PDB file of N, CA and C in Angstrom:
ATOM      1  N   UNK A   1      50.996  67.774   5.063  1.00  0.00           N
ATOM      2  CA  UNK A   1      50.621  66.295   4.875  1.00  0.00           C
ATOM      3  C   UNK A   1      52.236  65.918   4.319  1.00  0.00           C
ATOM      4  N   UNK A   2      52.292  64.494   4.645  1.00  0.00           N
ATOM      5  CA  UNK A   2      53.393  63.810   4.137  1.00  0.00           C
ATOM      6  C   UNK A   2      52.932  62.326   3.818  1.00  0.00           C
ATOM      7  N   UNK A   3      53.685  61.517   3.299  1.00  0.00           N
ATOM      8  CA  UNK A   3      53.259  60.241   2.779  1.00  0.00           C
ATOM      9  C   UNK A   3      52.545  59.469   3.714  1.00  0.00           C
ATOM     10  N   UNK A   4      52.626  59.444   5.040  1.00  0.00           N
ATOM     11  CA  UNK A   4      52.334  58.789   6.093  1.00  0.00           C
ATOM     12  C   UNK A   4      51.171  59.514   6.591  1.00  0.00           C
ATOM     13  N   UNK A   5      51.038  60.591   6.724  1.00  0.00           N
ATOM     14  CA  UNK A   5      49.920  61.400   7.602  1.00  0.00           C
ATOM     15  C   UNK A   5      49.762  62.691   7.367  1.00  0.00           C
ATOM     16  N   UNK A   6      48.806  63.334   8.053  1.00  0.00           N
ATOM     17  CA  UNK A   6      48.472  64.993   8.013  1.00  0.00           C
ATOM     18  C   UNK A   6      48.662  65.596   9.322  1.00  0.00           C
ATOM     19  N   UNK A   7      49.333  66.713   9.459  1.00  0.00           N
ATOM     20  CA  UNK A   7      49.440  67.445  10.593  1.00  0.00           C
ATOM     21  C   UNK A   7      48.568  68.402  10.554  1.00  0.00           C
ATOM     22  N   UNK A   8      47.862  68.995  11.663  1.00  0.00           N
ATOM     23  CA  UNK A   8      47.212  69.908  11.862  1.00  0.00           C
ATOM     24  C   UNK A   8      47.523  70.896  12.998  1.00  0.00           C
ATOM     25  N   UNK A   9      47.833  72.049  13.059  1.00  0.00           N
ATOM     26  CA  UNK A   9      48.111  72.922  14.085  1.00  0.00           C
ATOM     27  C   UNK A   9      47.180  73.807  14.519  1.00  0.00           C
ATOM     28  N   UNK A  10      46.604  73.805  15.603  1.00  0.00           N
ATOM     29  CA  UNK A  10      45.660  74.778  16.143  1.00  0.00           C
ATOM     30  C   UNK A  10      46.119  75.657  17.146  1.00  0.00           C
ATOM     31  N   UNK A  11      46.325  77.171  17.076  1.00  0.00           N
ATOM     32  CA  UNK A  11      47.056  78.035  17.798  1.00  0.00           C
ATOM     33  C   UNK A  11      45.932  78.901  18.357  1.00  0.00           C
ATOM     34  N   UNK A  12      46.279  79.586  19.369  1.00  0.00           N
ATOM     35  CA  UNK A  12      45.425  80.590  20.102  1.00  0.00           C
ATOM     36  C   UNK A  12      46.375  81.540  20.609  1.00  0.00           C
ATOM     37  N   UNK A  13      45.822  82.878  21.102  1.00  0.00           N
ATOM     38  CA  UNK A  13      46.827  83.820  21.534  1.00  0.00           C
ATOM     39  C   UNK A  13      46.365  84.168  22.858  1.00  0.00           C
ATOM     40  N   UNK A  14      45.958  83.302  23.842  1.00  0.00           N
ATOM     41  CA  UNK A  14      45.599  83.257  25.083  1.00  0.00           C
ATOM     42  C   UNK A  14      46.710  83.399  25.932  1.00  0.00           C
ATOM     43  N   UNK A  15      46.623  83.136  27.267  1.00  0.00           N
ATOM     44  CA  UNK A  15      47.720  83.002  28.319  1.00  0.00           C
ATOM     45  C   UNK A  15      48.669  81.872  28.152  1.00  0.00           C
ATOM     46  N   UNK A  16      48.435  80.821  27.130  1.00  0.00           N
ATOM     47  CA  UNK A  16      49.407  79.760  26.941  1.00  0.00           C
ATOM     48  C   UNK A  16      49.496  78.882  28.146  1.00  0.00           C
ATOM     49  N   UNK A  17      50.160  77.883  28.203  1.00  0.00           N
ATOM     50  CA  UNK A  17      50.319  76.601  29.272  1.00  0.00           C
ATOM     51  C   UNK A  17      51.858  76.619  29.605  1.00  0.00           C
ATOM     52  N   UNK A  18      51.942  76.563  30.969  1.00  0.00           N
ATOM     53  CA  UNK A  18      53.621  76.628  31.144  1.00  0.00           C
ATOM     54  C   UNK A  18      54.236  75.198  30.664  1.00  0.00           C
ATOM     55  N   UNK A  19      55.469  75.113  30.502  1.00  0.00           N
ATOM     56  CA  UNK A  19      56.197  73.858  30.049  1.00  0.00           C
ATOM     57  C   UNK A  19      55.786  72.657  31.016  1.00  0.00           C
ATOM     58  N   UNK A  20      55.833  72.790  32.170  1.00  0.00           N
ATOM     59  CA  UNK A  20      55.393  71.898  33.327  1.00  0.00           C
ATOM     60  C   UNK A  20      54.015  71.377  33.245  1.00  0.00           C
ATOM     61  N   UNK A  21      53.167  72.276  32.814  1.00  0.00           N
ATOM     62  CA  UNK A  21      51.723  71.624  32.579  1.00  0.00           C
ATOM     63  C   UNK A  21      51.265  70.988  31.366  1.00  0.00           C
ATOM     64  N   UNK A  22      52.163  71.145  30.390  1.00  0.00           N
ATOM     65  CA  UNK A  22      51.982  70.667  28.818  1.00  0.00           C
ATOM     66  C   UNK A  22      51.621  69.332  28.714  1.00  0.00           C
ATOM     67  N   UNK A  23      52.268  68.194  29.720  1.00  0.00           N
ATOM     68  CA  UNK A  23      51.865  66.731  29.474  1.00  0.00           C
ATOM     69  C   UNK A  23      50.616  66.452  30.481  1.00  0.00           C
ATOM     70  N   UNK A  24      50.455  67.512  31.438  1.00  0.00           N
ATOM     71  CA  UNK A  24      49.283  67.229  32.543  1.00  0.00           C
ATOM     72  C   UNK A  24      48.139  67.602  31.847  1.00  0.00           C
ATOM     73  N   UNK A  25      48.166  68.742  30.805  1.00  0.00           N
ATOM     74  CA  UNK A  25      46.837  69.138  30.541  1.00  0.00           C
ATOM     75  C   UNK A  25      45.868  68.026  29.745  1.00  0.00           C
ATOM     76  N   UNK A  26      46.421  66.997  29.312  1.00  0.00           N
ATOM     77  CA  UNK A  26      45.714  65.865  28.722  1.00  0.00           C
ATOM     78  C   UNK A  26      45.150  64.774  29.476  1.00  0.00           C
ATOM     79  N   UNK A  27      45.489  64.888  30.852  1.00  0.00           N
ATOM     80  CA  UNK A  27      44.840  64.309  31.842  1.00  0.00           C
ATOM     81  C   UNK A  27      43.425  64.699  32.304  1.00  0.00           C
ATOM     82  N   UNK A  28      42.598  63.730  32.528  1.00  0.00           N
ATOM     83  CA  UNK A  28      41.141  63.954  32.717  1.00  0.00           C
ATOM     84  C   UNK A  28      41.096  64.955  34.026  1.00  0.00           C
ATOM     85  N   UNK A  29      40.216  65.771  33.713  1.00  0.00           N
ATOM     86  CA  UNK A  29      40.024  66.735  34.966  1.00  0.00           C
ATOM     87  C   UNK A  29      41.249  67.946  35.356  1.00  0.00           C
ATOM     88  N   UNK A  30      42.330  67.635  34.608  1.00  0.00           N
ATOM     89  CA  UNK A  30      43.250  68.370  34.925  1.00  0.00           C
ATOM     90  C   UNK A  30      42.943  69.891  34.465  1.00  0.00           C
ATOM     91  N   UNK A  31      43.140  70.751  35.512  1.00  0.00           N
ATOM     92  CA  UNK A  31      43.178  72.355  35.187  1.00  0.00           C
ATOM     93  C   UNK A  31      44.399  73.106  35.672  1.00  0.00           C
ATOM     94  N   UNK A  32      44.808  73.919  34.856  1.00  0.00           N
ATOM     95  CA  UNK A  32      46.191  74.739  35.118  1.00  0.00           C
ATOM     96  C   UNK A  32      45.810  75.520  36.494  1.00  0.00           C
ATOM     97  N   UNK A  33      46.573  76.051  37.236  1.00  0.00           N
ATOM     98  CA  UNK A  33      46.208  76.970  38.068  1.00  0.00           C
ATOM     99  C   UNK A  33      45.519  78.279  37.684  1.00  0.00           C
ATOM    100  N   UNK A  34      45.966  78.744  36.289  1.00  0.00           N
ATOM    101  CA  UNK A  34      45.101  79.912  35.831  1.00  0.00           C
ATOM    102  C   UNK A  34      43.722  79.628  35.621  1.00  0.00           C
ATOM    103  N   UNK A  35      43.353  78.276  35.424  1.00  0.00           N
ATOM    104  CA  UNK A  35      42.082  77.955  35.001  1.00  0.00           C
ATOM    105  C   UNK A  35      41.049  77.299  35.988  1.00  0.00           C
ATOM    106  N   UNK A  36      41.537  77.489  37.164  1.00  0.00           N
ATOM    107  CA  UNK A  36      40.833  76.619  38.353  1.00  0.00           C
ATOM    108  C   UNK A  36      39.886  77.690  39.125  1.00  0.00           C
ATOM    109  N   UNK A  37      39.385  78.891  38.802  1.00  0.00           N
ATOM    110  CA  UNK A  37      38.504  79.696  39.365  1.00  0.00           C
ATOM    111  C   UNK A  37      37.290  79.250  38.416  1.00  0.00           C
ATOM    112  N   UNK A  38      36.183  79.723  39.193  1.00  0.00           N
ATOM    113  CA  UNK A  38      34.943  79.221  38.637  1.00  0.00           C
ATOM    114  C   UNK A  38      34.610  80.101  37.580  1.00  0.00           C
ATOM    115  N   UNK A  39      34.794  81.147  37.427  1.00  0.00           N
ATOM    116  CA  UNK A  39      34.275  81.934  36.221  1.00  0.00           C
ATOM    117  C   UNK A  39      35.121  81.629  34.995  1.00  0.00           C
ATOM    118  N   UNK A  40      35.984  80.702  34.931  1.00  0.00           N
ATOM    119  CA  UNK A  40      36.769  80.343  33.637  1.00  0.00           C
ATOM    120  C   UNK A  40      35.976  79.235  32.966  1.00  0.00           C
ATOM    121  N   UNK A  41      35.150  78.416  33.889  1.00  0.00           N
ATOM    122  CA  UNK A  41      34.379  77.316  33.221  1.00  0.00           C
ATOM    123  C   UNK A  41      35.250  76.159  32.952  1.00  0.00           C
ATOM    124  N   UNK A  42      34.590  75.297  32.277  1.00  0.00           N
ATOM    125  CA  UNK A  42      35.159  74.049  32.163  1.00  0.00           C
ATOM    126  C   UNK A  42      35.424  73.106  33.161  1.00  0.00           C
ATOM    127  N   UNK A  43      35.651  71.754  32.689  1.00  0.00           N
ATOM    128  CA  UNK A  43      35.861  70.677  33.747  1.00  0.00           C
ATOM    129  C   UNK A  43      37.093  70.095  33.561  1.00  0.00           C
ATOM    130  N   UNK A  44      37.934  70.511  32.593  1.00  0.00           N
ATOM    131  CA  UNK A  44      39.365  69.826  32.353  1.00  0.00           C
ATOM    132  C   UNK A  44      39.036  68.496  31.513  1.00  0.00           C
ATOM    133  N   UNK A  45      37.956  68.303  30.882  1.00  0.00           N
ATOM    134  CA  UNK A  45      37.797  67.101  30.042  1.00  0.00           C
ATOM    135  C   UNK A  45      38.121  67.259  28.564  1.00  0.00           C
ATOM    136  N   UNK A  46      38.043  68.418  28.029  1.00  0.00           N
ATOM    137  CA  UNK A  46      38.308  68.585  26.525  1.00  0.00           C
ATOM    138  C   UNK A  46      39.446  68.146  25.897  1.00  0.00           C
ATOM    139  N   UNK A  47      40.563  68.472  26.595  1.00  0.00           N
ATOM    140  CA  UNK A  47      41.887  67.641  25.931  1.00  0.00           C
ATOM    141  C   UNK A  47      42.084  66.425  26.183  1.00  0.00           C
ATOM    142  N   UNK A  48      41.481  65.811  27.385  1.00  0.00           N
ATOM    143  CA  UNK A  48      41.572  64.464  27.439  1.00  0.00           C
ATOM    144  C   UNK A  48      40.810  63.589  26.476  1.00  0.00           C
ATOM    145  N   UNK A  49      39.650  64.257  26.141  1.00  0.00           N
ATOM    146  CA  UNK A  49      38.861  63.618  24.784  1.00  0.00           C
ATOM    147  C   UNK A  49      39.350  63.748  23.593  1.00  0.00           C
ATOM    148  N   UNK A  50      40.046  64.836  23.368  1.00  0.00           N
ATOM    149  CA  UNK A  50      40.762  65.102  22.146  1.00  0.00           C
ATOM    150  C   UNK A  50      41.994  64.022  21.856  1.00  0.00           C
ATOM    151  N   UNK A  51      42.713  64.011  23.032  1.00  0.00           N
ATOM    152  CA  UNK A  51      43.758  62.777  22.865  1.00  0.00           C
ATOM    153  C   UNK A  51      43.133  61.555  22.874  1.00  0.00           C
ATOM    154  N   UNK A  52      42.276  61.093  23.628  1.00  0.00           N
ATOM    155  CA  UNK A  52      41.707  59.722  23.374  1.00  0.00           C
ATOM    156  C   UNK A  52      41.270  59.574  22.010  1.00  0.00           C
ATOM    157  N   UNK A  53      40.525  60.353  21.350  1.00  0.00           N
ATOM    158  CA  UNK A  53      39.984  60.401  19.997  1.00  0.00           C
ATOM    159  C   UNK A  53      41.203  60.191  18.899  1.00  0.00           C
ATOM    160  N   UNK A  54      42.353  61.172  19.069  1.00  0.00           N
ATOM    161  CA  UNK A  54      43.311  61.014  18.184  1.00  0.00           C
ATOM    162  C   UNK A  54      44.041  59.627  18.518  1.00  0.00           C
ATOM    163  N   UNK A  55      44.365  59.205  19.651  1.00  0.00           N
ATOM    164  CA  UNK A  55      44.903  57.781  19.703  1.00  0.00           C
ATOM    165  C   UNK A  55      44.285  56.614  19.059  1.00  0.00           C
ATOM    166  N   UNK A  56      42.810  56.789  19.124  1.00  0.00           N
ATOM    167  CA  UNK A  56      41.845  55.843  18.627  1.00  0.00           C
ATOM    168  C   UNK A  56      42.109  55.520  17.264  1.00  0.00           C
ATOM    169  N   UNK A  57      42.637  56.673  16.495  1.00  0.00           N
ATOM    170  CA  UNK A  57      43.008  56.785  15.213  1.00  0.00           C
ATOM    171  C   UNK A  57      44.493  56.620  14.846  1.00  0.00           C
ATOM    172  N   UNK A  58      45.202  56.004  15.958  1.00  0.00           N
ATOM    173  CA  UNK A  58      46.734  55.935  15.800  1.00  0.00           C
ATOM    174  C   UNK A  58      47.314  57.119  15.520  1.00  0.00           C
ATOM    175  N   UNK A  59      47.027  58.302  16.045  1.00  0.00           N
ATOM    176  CA  UNK A  59      47.647  59.561  16.041  1.00  0.00           C
ATOM    177  C   UNK A  59      48.130  59.980  17.102  1.00  0.00           C
ATOM    178  N   UNK A  60      48.605  61.368  17.439  1.00  0.00           N
ATOM    179  CA  UNK A  60      49.101  61.713  18.372  1.00  0.00           C
ATOM    180  C   UNK A  60      48.907  63.365  18.473  1.00  0.00           C
ATOM    181  N   UNK A  61      48.968  63.872  19.695  1.00  0.00           N
ATOM    182  CA  UNK A  61      48.568  65.369  19.968  1.00  0.00           C
ATOM    183  C   UNK A  61      49.798  65.689  20.856  1.00  0.00           C
ATOM    184  N   UNK A  62      50.282  66.937  20.784  1.00  0.00           N
ATOM    185  CA  UNK A  62      51.043  67.550  21.726  1.00  0.00           C
ATOM    186  C   UNK A  62      50.954  69.004  21.889  1.00  0.00           C
ATOM    187  N   UNK A  63      51.332  69.525  22.956  1.00  0.00           N
ATOM    188  CA  UNK A  63      51.200  71.166  23.210  1.00  0.00           C
ATOM    189  C   UNK A  63      52.601  71.579  23.222  1.00  0.00           C
ATOM    190  N   UNK A  64      52.468  72.789  22.564  1.00  0.00           N
ATOM    191  CA  UNK A  64      53.810  73.821  22.496  1.00  0.00           C
ATOM    192  C   UNK A  64      53.409  75.266  22.327  1.00  0.00           C
ATOM    193  N   UNK A  65      54.479  75.959  22.515  1.00  0.00           N
ATOM    194  CA  UNK A  65      54.064  77.689  22.467  1.00  0.00           C
ATOM    195  C   UNK A  65      53.612  77.942  21.002  1.00  0.00           C
ATOM    196  N   UNK A  66      52.475  78.890  21.165  1.00  0.00           N
ATOM    197  CA  UNK A  66      52.181  79.326  19.728  1.00  0.00           C
ATOM    198  C   UNK A  66      52.988  80.455  19.365  1.00  0.00           C
ATOM    199  N   UNK A  67      53.286  80.616  18.037  1.00  0.00           N
ATOM    200  CA  UNK A  67      53.686  82.056  17.586  1.00  0.00           C
ATOM    201  C   UNK A  67      52.849  83.082  17.606  1.00  0.00           C
ATOM    202  N   UNK A  68      51.620  82.715  18.049  1.00  0.00           N
ATOM    203  CA  UNK A  68      50.608  84.120  18.456  1.00  0.00           C
ATOM    204  C   UNK A  68      50.542  84.300  19.888  1.00  0.00           C
ATOM    205  N   UNK A  69      51.318  83.594  20.719  1.00  0.00           N
ATOM    206  CA  UNK A  69      51.649  84.065  22.091  1.00  0.00           C
ATOM    207  C   UNK A  69      51.109  82.947  23.200  1.00  0.00           C
ATOM    208  N   UNK A  70      50.105  82.133  22.859  1.00  0.00           N
ATOM    209  CA  UNK A  70      49.225  81.203  23.492  1.00  0.00           C
ATOM    210  C   UNK A  70      49.760  80.040  23.559  1.00  0.00           C
ATOM    211  N   UNK A  71      49.041  78.903  23.148  1.00  0.00           N
ATOM    212  CA  UNK A  71      49.128  77.535  22.999  1.00  0.00           C
ATOM    213  C   UNK A  71      49.059  76.991  21.574  1.00  0.00           C
ATOM    214  N   UNK A  72      49.900  76.030  21.283  1.00  0.00           N
ATOM    215  CA  UNK A  72      49.606  75.551  19.994  1.00  0.00           C
ATOM    216  C   UNK A  72      49.439  73.998  20.369  1.00  0.00           C
ATOM    217  N   UNK A  73      48.471  73.373  19.662  1.00  0.00           N
ATOM    218  CA  UNK A  73      48.242  71.920  19.771  1.00  0.00           C
ATOM    219  C   UNK A  73      48.476  71.507  18.388  1.00  0.00           C
ATOM    220  N   UNK A  74      49.335  70.537  18.177  1.00  0.00           N
ATOM    221  CA  UNK A  74      49.931  69.669  16.959  1.00  0.00           C
ATOM    222  C   UNK A  74      49.168  68.504  17.204  1.00  0.00           C
ATOM    223  N   UNK A  75      48.189  68.054  16.029  1.00  0.00           N
ATOM    224  CA  UNK A  75      47.929  66.885  15.918  1.00  0.00           C
ATOM    225  C   UNK A  75      48.348  66.129  14.705  1.00  0.00           C
ATOM    226  N   UNK A  76      48.650  64.924  14.715  1.00  0.00           N
ATOM    227  CA  UNK A  76      49.080  64.290  13.679  1.00  0.00           C
ATOM    228  C   UNK A  76      48.195  62.883  13.470  1.00  0.00           C
ATOM    229  N   UNK A  77      47.575  62.671  12.308  1.00  0.00           N
ATOM    230  CA  UNK A  77      46.860  61.460  11.945  1.00  0.00           C
ATOM    231  C   UNK A  77      47.365  60.810  10.787  1.00  0.00           C
ATOM    232  N   UNK A  78      47.440  59.490  10.809  1.00  0.00           N
ATOM    233  CA  UNK A  78      47.967  58.597   9.799  1.00  0.00           C
ATOM    234  C   UNK A  78      46.847  58.861   8.690  1.00  0.00           C
ATOM    235  N   UNK A  79      47.301  58.563   7.446  1.00  0.00           N
ATOM    236  CA  UNK A  79      46.699  58.490   6.265  1.00  0.00           C
ATOM    237  C   UNK A  79      45.935  57.055   6.131  1.00  0.00           C
ATOM    238  N   UNK A  80      44.796  56.778   5.884  1.00  0.00           N
ATOM    239  CA  UNK A  80      44.263  55.758   5.628  1.00  0.00           C
ATOM    240  C   UNK A  80      44.937  55.080   4.385  1.00  0.00           C
ATOM    241  N   UNK A  81      45.376  53.709   4.535  1.00  0.00           N
ATOM    242  CA  UNK A  81      45.874  52.963   3.576  1.00  0.00           C
ATOM    243  C   UNK A  81      45.064  51.893   2.913  1.00  0.00           C
ATOM    244  N   UNK A  82      44.670  51.686   1.732  1.00  0.00           N
ATOM    245  CA  UNK A  82      43.774  50.694   1.249  1.00  0.00           C
ATOM    246  C   UNK A  82      44.625  49.564   1.173  1.00  0.00           C
ATOM    247  N   UNK A  83      44.221  48.408   1.451  1.00  0.00           N
ATOM    248  CA  UNK A  83      44.964  47.197   1.227  1.00  0.00           C
ATOM    249  C   UNK A  83      44.589  46.252   0.210  1.00  0.00           C
TER     250      UNK A  83
END
């Protein structure tokens, strides 16, 4: 947390996401090549919903490598300022 907002990191130890796919994973219905088989489930909407919700609150989300070996999502949200 800083004077302007709070940062939340969400890490996993899965296979991760290639640097080329990191911007794309926030597009509706986008699934990486590794996630396109029917057994993996999902529709590719989850991260698009996350990004839309965060942006509605004037924040941002980005994807990076996790120290656990998978994906790290960094979410930043501004603090509410009373006027």
